[in-house]
PDB file of all heavy atoms in Angstrom:
ATOM      1  N   HIS A   1       1.699  -1.926  -9.156  1.00  0.00           N
ATOM      2  CA  HIS A   1       2.732  -0.892  -9.026  1.00  0.00           C
ATOM      3  C   HIS A   1       3.961  -1.285  -9.829  1.00  0.00           C
ATOM      4  O   HIS A   1       4.180  -2.468 -10.108  1.00  0.00           O
ATOM      5  CB  HIS A   1       3.094  -0.656  -7.552  1.00  0.00           C
ATOM      6  CG  HIS A   1       3.741  -1.820  -6.871  1.00  0.00           C
ATOM      7  ND1 HIS A   1       5.079  -2.117  -7.007  1.00  0.00           N
ATOM      8  CD2 HIS A   1       3.226  -2.763  -6.036  1.00  0.00           C
ATOM      9  CE1 HIS A   1       5.365  -3.185  -6.288  1.00  0.00           C
ATOM     10  NE2 HIS A   1       4.257  -3.598  -5.686  1.00  0.00           N
ATOM     11  N   PRO A   2       4.784  -0.299 -10.206  1.00  0.00           N
ATOM     12  CA  PRO A   2       6.029  -0.615 -10.908  1.00  0.00           C
ATOM     13  C   PRO A   2       6.924  -1.486 -10.025  1.00  0.00           C
ATOM     14  O   PRO A   2       6.965  -1.323  -8.800  1.00  0.00           O
ATOM     15  CB  PRO A   2       6.674   0.758 -11.143  1.00  0.00           C
ATOM     16  CG  PRO A   2       5.566   1.752 -11.006  1.00  0.00           C
ATOM     17  CD  PRO A   2       4.595   1.152 -10.037  1.00  0.00           C
ATOM     18  N   ASP A   3       7.625  -2.402 -10.647  1.00  0.00           N
ATOM     19  CA  ASP A   3       8.509  -3.300  -9.896  1.00  0.00           C
ATOM     20  C   ASP A   3       9.620  -2.563  -9.160  1.00  0.00           C
ATOM     21  O   ASP A   3      10.176  -3.081  -8.200  1.00  0.00           O
ATOM     22  CB  ASP A   3       9.123  -4.355 -10.824  1.00  0.00           C
ATOM     23  CG  ASP A   3       8.144  -5.465 -11.153  1.00  0.00           C
ATOM     24  OD1 ASP A   3       7.236  -5.743 -10.341  1.00  0.00           O
ATOM     25  OD2 ASP A   3       8.291  -6.074 -12.237  1.00  0.00           O
ATOM     26  N   ASP A   4       9.937  -1.343  -9.590  1.00  0.00           N
ATOM     27  CA  ASP A   4      11.018  -0.629  -8.907  1.00  0.00           C
ATOM     28  C   ASP A   4      10.583   0.029  -7.596  1.00  0.00           C
ATOM     29  O   ASP A   4      11.409   0.590  -6.882  1.00  0.00           O
ATOM     30  CB  ASP A   4      11.676   0.399  -9.840  1.00  0.00           C
ATOM     31  CG  ASP A   4      10.738   1.521 -10.259  1.00  0.00           C
ATOM     32  OD1 ASP A   4       9.520   1.432 -10.013  1.00  0.00           O
ATOM     33  OD2 ASP A   4      11.234   2.497 -10.859  1.00  0.00           O
ATOM     34  N   VAL A   5       9.304  -0.079  -7.240  1.00  0.00           N
ATOM     35  CA  VAL A   5       8.855   0.387  -5.923  1.00  0.00           C
ATOM     36  C   VAL A   5       9.201  -0.724  -4.940  1.00  0.00           C
ATOM     37  O   VAL A   5       8.573  -1.776  -4.932  1.00  0.00           O
ATOM     38  CB  VAL A   5       7.341   0.703  -5.900  1.00  0.00           C
ATOM     39  CG1 VAL A   5       6.920   1.107  -4.493  1.00  0.00           C
ATOM     40  CG2 VAL A   5       7.004   1.786  -6.900  1.00  0.00           C
ATOM     41  N   GLN A   6      10.216  -0.515  -4.142  1.00  0.00           N
ATOM     42  CA  GLN A   6      10.738  -1.546  -3.238  1.00  0.00           C
ATOM     43  C   GLN A   6      10.646  -1.079  -1.791  1.00  0.00           C
ATOM     44  O   GLN A   6      10.865   0.099  -1.498  1.00  0.00           O
ATOM     45  CB  GLN A   6      12.195  -1.864  -3.574  1.00  0.00           C
ATOM     46  CG  GLN A   6      12.396  -2.494  -4.929  1.00  0.00           C
ATOM     47  CD  GLN A   6      11.869  -3.909  -4.985  1.00  0.00           C
ATOM     48  OE1 GLN A   6      12.125  -4.717  -4.090  1.00  0.00           O
ATOM     49  NE2 GLN A   6      11.133  -4.219  -6.024  1.00  0.00           N
ATOM     50  N   GLY A   7      10.357  -2.010  -0.882  1.00  0.00           N
ATOM     51  CA  GLY A   7      10.284  -1.706   0.540  1.00  0.00           C
ATOM     52  C   GLY A   7       8.873  -1.311   0.928  1.00  0.00           C
ATOM     53  O   GLY A   7       8.137  -0.699   0.149  1.00  0.00           O
ATOM     54  N   ILE A   8       8.489  -1.662   2.161  1.00  0.00           N
ATOM     55  CA  ILE A   8       7.114  -1.435   2.584  1.00  0.00           C
ATOM     56  C   ILE A   8       6.795   0.051   2.747  1.00  0.00           C
ATOM     57  O   ILE A   8       5.680   0.489   2.436  1.00  0.00           O
ATOM     58  CB  ILE A   8       6.769  -2.248   3.860  1.00  0.00           C
ATOM     59  CG1 ILE A   8       5.255  -2.282   4.087  1.00  0.00           C
ATOM     60  CG2 ILE A   8       7.512  -1.735   5.062  1.00  0.00           C
ATOM     61  CD1 ILE A   8       4.451  -2.960   3.013  1.00  0.00           C
ATOM     62  N   GLY A   9       7.745   0.856   3.198  1.00  0.00           N
ATOM     63  CA  GLY A   9       7.503   2.289   3.340  1.00  0.00           C
ATOM     64  C   GLY A   9       7.182   2.958   2.007  1.00  0.00           C
ATOM     65  O   GLY A   9       6.129   3.599   1.854  1.00  0.00           O
ATOM     66  N   PRO A  10       8.077   2.823   1.016  1.00  0.00           N
ATOM     67  CA  PRO A  10       7.788   3.398  -0.301  1.00  0.00           C
ATOM     68  C   PRO A  10       6.518   2.810  -0.938  1.00  0.00           C
ATOM     69  O   PRO A  10       5.774   3.526  -1.608  1.00  0.00           O
ATOM     70  CB  PRO A  10       9.029   3.052  -1.131  1.00  0.00           C
ATOM     71  CG  PRO A  10      10.121   2.930  -0.124  1.00  0.00           C
ATOM     72  CD  PRO A  10       9.463   2.330   1.092  1.00  0.00           C
ATOM     73  N   LEU A  11       6.257   1.528  -0.699  1.00  0.00           N
ATOM     74  CA  LEU A  11       5.049   0.920  -1.263  1.00  0.00           C
ATOM     75  C   LEU A  11       3.793   1.517  -0.632  1.00  0.00           C
ATOM     76  O   LEU A  11       2.830   1.853  -1.323  1.00  0.00           O
ATOM     77  CB  LEU A  11       5.060  -0.597  -1.077  1.00  0.00           C
ATOM     78  CG  LEU A  11       3.812  -1.318  -1.596  1.00  0.00           C
ATOM     79  CD1 LEU A  11       3.582  -1.030  -3.077  1.00  0.00           C
ATOM     80  CD2 LEU A  11       3.927  -2.809  -1.343  1.00  0.00           C
ATOM     81  N   ARG A  12       3.796   1.671   0.679  1.00  0.00           N
ATOM     82  CA  ARG A  12       2.631   2.284   1.339  1.00  0.00           C
ATOM     83  C   ARG A  12       2.404   3.708   0.839  1.00  0.00           C
ATOM     84  O   ARG A  12       1.269   4.129   0.622  1.00  0.00           O
ATOM     85  CB  ARG A  12       2.804   2.246   2.854  1.00  0.00           C
ATOM     86  CG  ARG A  12       2.681   0.845   3.435  1.00  0.00           C
ATOM     87  CD  ARG A  12       2.626   0.875   4.955  1.00  0.00           C
ATOM     88  NE  ARG A  12       2.738  -0.427   5.553  1.00  0.00           N
ATOM     89  CZ  ARG A  12       1.757  -1.336   5.614  1.00  0.00           C
ATOM     90  NH1 ARG A  12       0.594  -1.080   5.095  1.00  0.00           N
ATOM     91  NH2 ARG A  12       1.967  -2.506   6.210  1.00  0.00           N
ATOM     92  N   GLN A  13       3.482   4.466   0.641  1.00  0.00           N
ATOM     93  CA  GLN A  13       3.330   5.818   0.103  1.00  0.00           C
ATOM     94  C   GLN A  13       2.788   5.771  -1.314  1.00  0.00           C
ATOM     95  O   GLN A  13       1.937   6.577  -1.693  1.00  0.00           O
ATOM     96  CB  GLN A  13       4.658   6.576   0.143  1.00  0.00           C
ATOM     97  CG  GLN A  13       4.516   8.036  -0.247  1.00  0.00           C
ATOM     98  CD  GLN A  13       3.561   8.791   0.666  1.00  0.00           C
ATOM     99  OE1 GLN A  13       3.724   8.802   1.880  1.00  0.00           O
ATOM    100  NE2 GLN A  13       2.544   9.422   0.076  1.00  0.00           N
ATOM    101  N   TRP A  14       3.263   4.817  -2.133  1.00  0.00           N
ATOM    102  CA  TRP A  14       2.778   4.677  -3.505  1.00  0.00           C
ATOM    103  C   TRP A  14       1.278   4.377  -3.499  1.00  0.00           C
ATOM    104  O   TRP A  14       0.520   4.943  -4.300  1.00  0.00           O
ATOM    105  CB  TRP A  14       3.550   3.561  -4.231  1.00  0.00           C
ATOM    106  CG  TRP A  14       3.209   3.492  -5.684  1.00  0.00           C
ATOM    107  CD1 TRP A  14       3.846   4.128  -6.708  1.00  0.00           C
ATOM    108  CD2 TRP A  14       2.130   2.749  -6.272  1.00  0.00           C
ATOM    109  NE1 TRP A  14       3.216   3.826  -7.897  1.00  0.00           N
ATOM    110  CE2 TRP A  14       2.164   2.981  -7.652  1.00  0.00           C
ATOM    111  CE3 TRP A  14       1.143   1.905  -5.768  1.00  0.00           C
ATOM    112  CZ2 TRP A  14       1.253   2.412  -8.548  1.00  0.00           C
ATOM    113  CZ3 TRP A  14       0.226   1.341  -6.651  1.00  0.00           C
ATOM    114  CH2 TRP A  14       0.283   1.591  -8.012  1.00  0.00           C
ATOM    115  N   ILE A  15       0.839   3.526  -2.579  1.00  0.00           N
ATOM    116  CA  ILE A  15      -0.591   3.208  -2.465  1.00  0.00           C
ATOM    117  C   ILE A  15      -1.375   4.476  -2.129  1.00  0.00           C
ATOM    118  O   ILE A  15      -2.387   4.778  -2.770  1.00  0.00           O
ATOM    119  CB  ILE A  15      -0.830   2.105  -1.418  1.00  0.00           C
ATOM    120  CG1 ILE A  15      -0.274   0.772  -1.932  1.00  0.00           C
ATOM    121  CG2 ILE A  15      -2.318   1.979  -1.090  1.00  0.00           C
ATOM    122  CD1 ILE A  15      -0.217  -0.334  -0.875  1.00  0.00           C
ATOM    123  N   LEU A  16      -0.917   5.226  -1.137  1.00  0.00           N
ATOM    124  CA  LEU A  16      -1.613   6.468  -0.764  1.00  0.00           C
ATOM    125  C   LEU A  16      -1.667   7.456  -1.926  1.00  0.00           C
ATOM    126  O   LEU A  16      -2.661   8.159  -2.107  1.00  0.00           O
ATOM    127  CB  LEU A  16      -0.937   7.115   0.446  1.00  0.00           C
ATOM    128  CG  LEU A  16      -1.087   6.360   1.765  1.00  0.00           C
ATOM    129  CD1 LEU A  16      -0.247   7.020   2.852  1.00  0.00           C
ATOM    130  CD2 LEU A  16      -2.546   6.265   2.187  1.00  0.00           C
ATOM    131  N   ASP A  17      -0.610   7.494  -2.728  1.00  0.00           N
ATOM    132  CA  ASP A  17      -0.554   8.404  -3.870  1.00  0.00           C
ATOM    133  C   ASP A  17      -1.436   7.941  -5.025  1.00  0.00           C
ATOM    134  O   ASP A  17      -1.770   8.732  -5.908  1.00  0.00           O
ATOM    135  CB  ASP A  17       0.883   8.558  -4.378  1.00  0.00           C
ATOM    136  CG  ASP A  17       1.789   9.280  -3.398  1.00  0.00           C
ATOM    137  OD1 ASP A  17       1.264   9.963  -2.477  1.00  0.00           O
ATOM    138  OD2 ASP A  17       3.022   9.146  -3.538  1.00  0.00           O
ATOM    139  N   ASN A  18      -1.812   6.663  -5.047  1.00  0.00           N
ATOM    140  CA  ASN A  18      -2.516   6.107  -6.201  1.00  0.00           C
ATOM    141  C   ASN A  18      -3.914   5.580  -5.912  1.00  0.00           C
ATOM    142  O   ASN A  18      -4.555   5.024  -6.811  1.00  0.00           O
ATOM    143  CB  ASN A  18      -1.665   5.008  -6.844  1.00  0.00           C
ATOM    144  CG  ASN A  18      -0.471   5.591  -7.560  1.00  0.00           C
ATOM    145  OD1 ASN A  18      -0.569   6.031  -8.686  1.00  0.00           O
ATOM    146  ND2 ASN A  18       0.662   5.638  -6.873  1.00  0.00           N
ATOM    147  N   VAL A  19      -4.382   5.734  -4.708  1.00  0.00           N
ATOM    148  CA  VAL A  19      -5.759   5.371  -4.366  1.00  0.00           C
ATOM    149  C   VAL A  19      -6.502   6.663  -4.069  1.00  0.00           C
ATOM    150  O   VAL A  19      -6.077   7.439  -3.215  1.00  0.00           O
ATOM    151  CB  VAL A  19      -5.807   4.407  -3.160  1.00  0.00           C
ATOM    152  CG1 VAL A  19      -7.238   4.162  -2.715  1.00  0.00           C
ATOM    153  CG2 VAL A  19      -5.132   3.085  -3.516  1.00  0.00           C
ATOM    154  N   ALA A  20      -7.603   6.869  -4.773  1.00  0.00           N
ATOM    155  CA  ALA A  20      -8.320   8.145  -4.678  1.00  0.00           C
ATOM    156  C   ALA A  20      -9.200   8.266  -3.439  1.00  0.00           C
ATOM    157  O   ALA A  20      -9.532   9.372  -3.031  1.00  0.00           O
ATOM    158  CB  ALA A  20      -9.176   8.342  -5.930  1.00  0.00           C
ATOM    159  N   ASP A  21      -9.570   7.166  -2.821  1.00  0.00           N
ATOM    160  CA  ASP A  21     -10.486   7.209  -1.687  1.00  0.00           C
ATOM    161  C   ASP A  21      -9.872   7.984  -0.524  1.00  0.00           C
ATOM    162  O   ASP A  21      -8.670   7.908  -0.273  1.00  0.00           O
ATOM    163  CB  ASP A  21     -10.835   5.787  -1.243  1.00  0.00           C
ATOM    164  CG  ASP A  21     -12.128   5.719  -0.466  1.00  0.00           C
ATOM    165  OD1 ASP A  21     -12.248   6.407   0.570  1.00  0.00           O
ATOM    166  OD2 ASP A  21     -13.021   4.970  -0.894  1.00  0.00           O
ATOM    167  N   GLU A  22     -10.707   8.694   0.210  1.00  0.00           N
ATOM    168  CA  GLU A  22     -10.244   9.474   1.364  1.00  0.00           C
ATOM    169  C   GLU A  22      -9.720   8.574   2.483  1.00  0.00           C
ATOM    170  O   GLU A  22      -8.790   8.928   3.205  1.00  0.00           O
ATOM    171  CB  GLU A  22     -11.400  10.323   1.893  1.00  0.00           C
ATOM    172  CG  GLU A  22     -11.059  11.119   3.120  1.00  0.00           C
ATOM    173  CD  GLU A  22     -12.251  11.880   3.677  1.00  0.00           C
ATOM    174  OE1 GLU A  22     -13.375  11.341   3.676  1.00  0.00           O
ATOM    175  OE2 GLU A  22     -12.044  13.012   4.126  1.00  0.00           O
ATOM    176  N   THR A  23     -10.329   7.396   2.624  1.00  0.00           N
ATOM    177  CA  THR A  23      -9.928   6.463   3.678  1.00  0.00           C
ATOM    178  C   THR A  23      -9.344   5.210   3.037  1.00  0.00           C
ATOM    179  O   THR A  23     -10.016   4.537   2.265  1.00  0.00           O
ATOM    180  CB  THR A  23     -11.134   6.081   4.557  1.00  0.00           C
ATOM    181  OG1 THR A  23     -11.726   7.274   5.070  1.00  0.00           O
ATOM    182  CG2 THR A  23     -10.710   5.175   5.699  1.00  0.00           C
ATOM    183  N   VAL A  24      -8.091   4.919   3.370  1.00  0.00           N
ATOM    184  CA  VAL A  24      -7.400   3.742   2.838  1.00  0.00           C
ATOM    185  C   VAL A  24      -6.959   2.885   4.011  1.00  0.00           C
ATOM    186  O   VAL A  24      -6.243   3.353   4.897  1.00  0.00           O
ATOM    187  CB  VAL A  24      -6.174   4.137   1.989  1.00  0.00           C
ATOM    188  CG1 VAL A  24      -5.451   2.898   1.471  1.00  0.00           C
ATOM    189  CG2 VAL A  24      -6.578   5.050   0.840  1.00  0.00           C
ATOM    190  N   LEU A  25      -7.402   1.646   4.023  1.00  0.00           N
ATOM    191  CA  LEU A  25      -6.962   0.687   5.028  1.00  0.00           C
ATOM    192  C   LEU A  25      -6.021  -0.296   4.352  1.00  0.00           C
ATOM    193  O   LEU A  25      -6.400  -0.960   3.389  1.00  0.00           O
ATOM    194  CB  LEU A  25      -8.157  -0.070   5.629  1.00  0.00           C
ATOM    195  CG  LEU A  25      -7.784  -1.178   6.616  1.00  0.00           C
ATOM    196  CD1 LEU A  25      -7.217  -0.588   7.904  1.00  0.00           C
ATOM    197  CD2 LEU A  25      -8.989  -2.046   6.922  1.00  0.00           C
ATOM    198  N   MET A  26      -4.785  -0.375   4.839  1.00  0.00           N
ATOM    199  CA  MET A  26      -3.825  -1.331   4.305  1.00  0.00           C
ATOM    200  C   MET A  26      -3.758  -2.512   5.260  1.00  0.00           C
ATOM    201  O   MET A  26      -3.528  -2.331   6.456  1.00  0.00           O
ATOM    202  CB  MET A  26      -2.460  -0.678   4.139  1.00  0.00           C
ATOM    203  CG  MET A  26      -2.458   0.389   3.080  1.00  0.00           C
ATOM    204  SD  MET A  26      -0.822   1.091   2.843  1.00  0.00           S
ATOM    205  CE  MET A  26      -1.254   2.830   2.746  1.00  0.00           C
ATOM    206  N   VAL A  27      -3.961  -3.693   4.702  1.00  0.00           N
ATOM    207  CA  VAL A  27      -4.048  -4.920   5.490  1.00  0.00           C
ATOM    208  C   VAL A  27      -2.900  -5.841   5.094  1.00  0.00           C
ATOM    209  O   VAL A  27      -2.696  -6.102   3.904  1.00  0.00           O
ATOM    210  CB  VAL A  27      -5.396  -5.629   5.235  1.00  0.00           C
ATOM    211  CG1 VAL A  27      -5.472  -6.939   5.980  1.00  0.00           C
ATOM    212  CG2 VAL A  27      -6.565  -4.727   5.599  1.00  0.00           C
ATOM    213  N   ASP A  28      -2.153  -6.338   6.070  1.00  0.00           N
ATOM    214  CA  ASP A  28      -1.098  -7.309   5.778  1.00  0.00           C
ATOM    215  C   ASP A  28      -1.707  -8.540   5.128  1.00  0.00           C
ATOM    216  O   ASP A  28      -2.799  -8.977   5.504  1.00  0.00           O
ATOM    217  CB  ASP A  28      -0.377  -7.723   7.052  1.00  0.00           C
ATOM    218  CG  ASP A  28       0.469  -6.610   7.648  1.00  0.00           C
ATOM    219  OD1 ASP A  28       0.690  -5.594   6.955  1.00  0.00           O
ATOM    220  OD2 ASP A  28       0.896  -6.749   8.802  1.00  0.00           O
ATOM    221  N   ASP A  29      -0.988  -9.134   4.185  1.00  0.00           N
ATOM    222  CA  ASP A  29      -1.537 -10.283   3.459  1.00  0.00           C
ATOM    223  C   ASP A  29      -1.663 -11.537   4.312  1.00  0.00           C
ATOM    224  O   ASP A  29      -2.351 -12.488   3.939  1.00  0.00           O
ATOM    225  CB  ASP A  29      -0.747 -10.580   2.188  1.00  0.00           C
ATOM    226  CG  ASP A  29       0.720 -10.916   2.423  1.00  0.00           C
ATOM    227  OD1 ASP A  29       1.158 -11.012   3.597  1.00  0.00           O
ATOM    228  OD2 ASP A  29       1.450 -11.079   1.423  1.00  0.00           O
ATOM    229  N   ASP A  30      -1.040 -11.546   5.488  1.00  0.00           N
ATOM    230  CA  ASP A  30      -1.101 -12.746   6.335  1.00  0.00           C
ATOM    231  C   ASP A  30      -2.051 -12.594   7.530  1.00  0.00           C
ATOM    232  O   ASP A  30      -2.090 -13.452   8.405  1.00  0.00           O
ATOM    233  CB  ASP A  30       0.289 -13.150   6.815  1.00  0.00           C
ATOM    234  CG  ASP A  30       0.986 -12.074   7.637  1.00  0.00           C
ATOM    235  OD1 ASP A  30       0.466 -10.939   7.719  1.00  0.00           O
ATOM    236  OD2 ASP A  30       2.061 -12.369   8.184  1.00  0.00           O
ATOM    237  N   VAL A  31      -2.846 -11.524   7.563  1.00  0.00           N
ATOM    238  CA  VAL A  31      -3.789 -11.349   8.669  1.00  0.00           C
ATOM    239  C   VAL A  31      -4.870 -12.430   8.566  1.00  0.00           C
ATOM    240  O   VAL A  31      -5.321 -12.761   7.481  1.00  0.00           O
ATOM    241  CB  VAL A  31      -4.398  -9.921   8.670  1.00  0.00           C
ATOM    242  CG1 VAL A  31      -5.310  -9.693   7.491  1.00  0.00           C
ATOM    243  CG2 VAL A  31      -5.140  -9.650   9.947  1.00  0.00           C
ATOM    244  N   TYR A  32      -5.239 -13.012   9.705  1.00  0.00           N
ATOM    245  CA  TYR A  32      -6.198 -14.126   9.662  1.00  0.00           C
ATOM    246  C   TYR A  32      -7.311 -14.020  10.688  1.00  0.00           C
ATOM    247  O   TYR A  32      -8.186 -14.880  10.746  1.00  0.00           O
ATOM    248  CB  TYR A  32      -5.474 -15.459   9.832  1.00  0.00           C
ATOM    249  CG  TYR A  32      -4.720 -15.586  11.128  1.00  0.00           C
ATOM    250  CD1 TYR A  32      -5.348 -16.024  12.288  1.00  0.00           C
ATOM    251  CD2 TYR A  32      -3.380 -15.247  11.195  1.00  0.00           C
ATOM    252  CE1 TYR A  32      -4.652 -16.134  13.485  1.00  0.00           C
ATOM    253  CE2 TYR A  32      -2.673 -15.355  12.378  1.00  0.00           C
ATOM    254  CZ  TYR A  32      -3.321 -15.796  13.515  1.00  0.00           C
ATOM    255  OH  TYR A  32      -2.627 -15.890  14.698  1.00  0.00           O
ATOM    256  N   GLY A  33      -7.322 -12.993  11.507  1.00  0.00           N
ATOM    257  CA  GLY A  33      -8.387 -12.864  12.485  1.00  0.00           C
ATOM    258  C   GLY A  33      -8.316 -11.522  13.176  1.00  0.00           C
ATOM    259  O   GLY A  33      -7.341 -10.789  13.049  1.00  0.00           O
TER     260      GLY A  33
END
């Protein structure tokens, strides 16, 4: 994503706008179990 996309809310929206799949699961990078 462009570096000017800042904050988790705008980033999550950017992901939804840029992933074509009907189902998108966003996973925190620190999830471990």
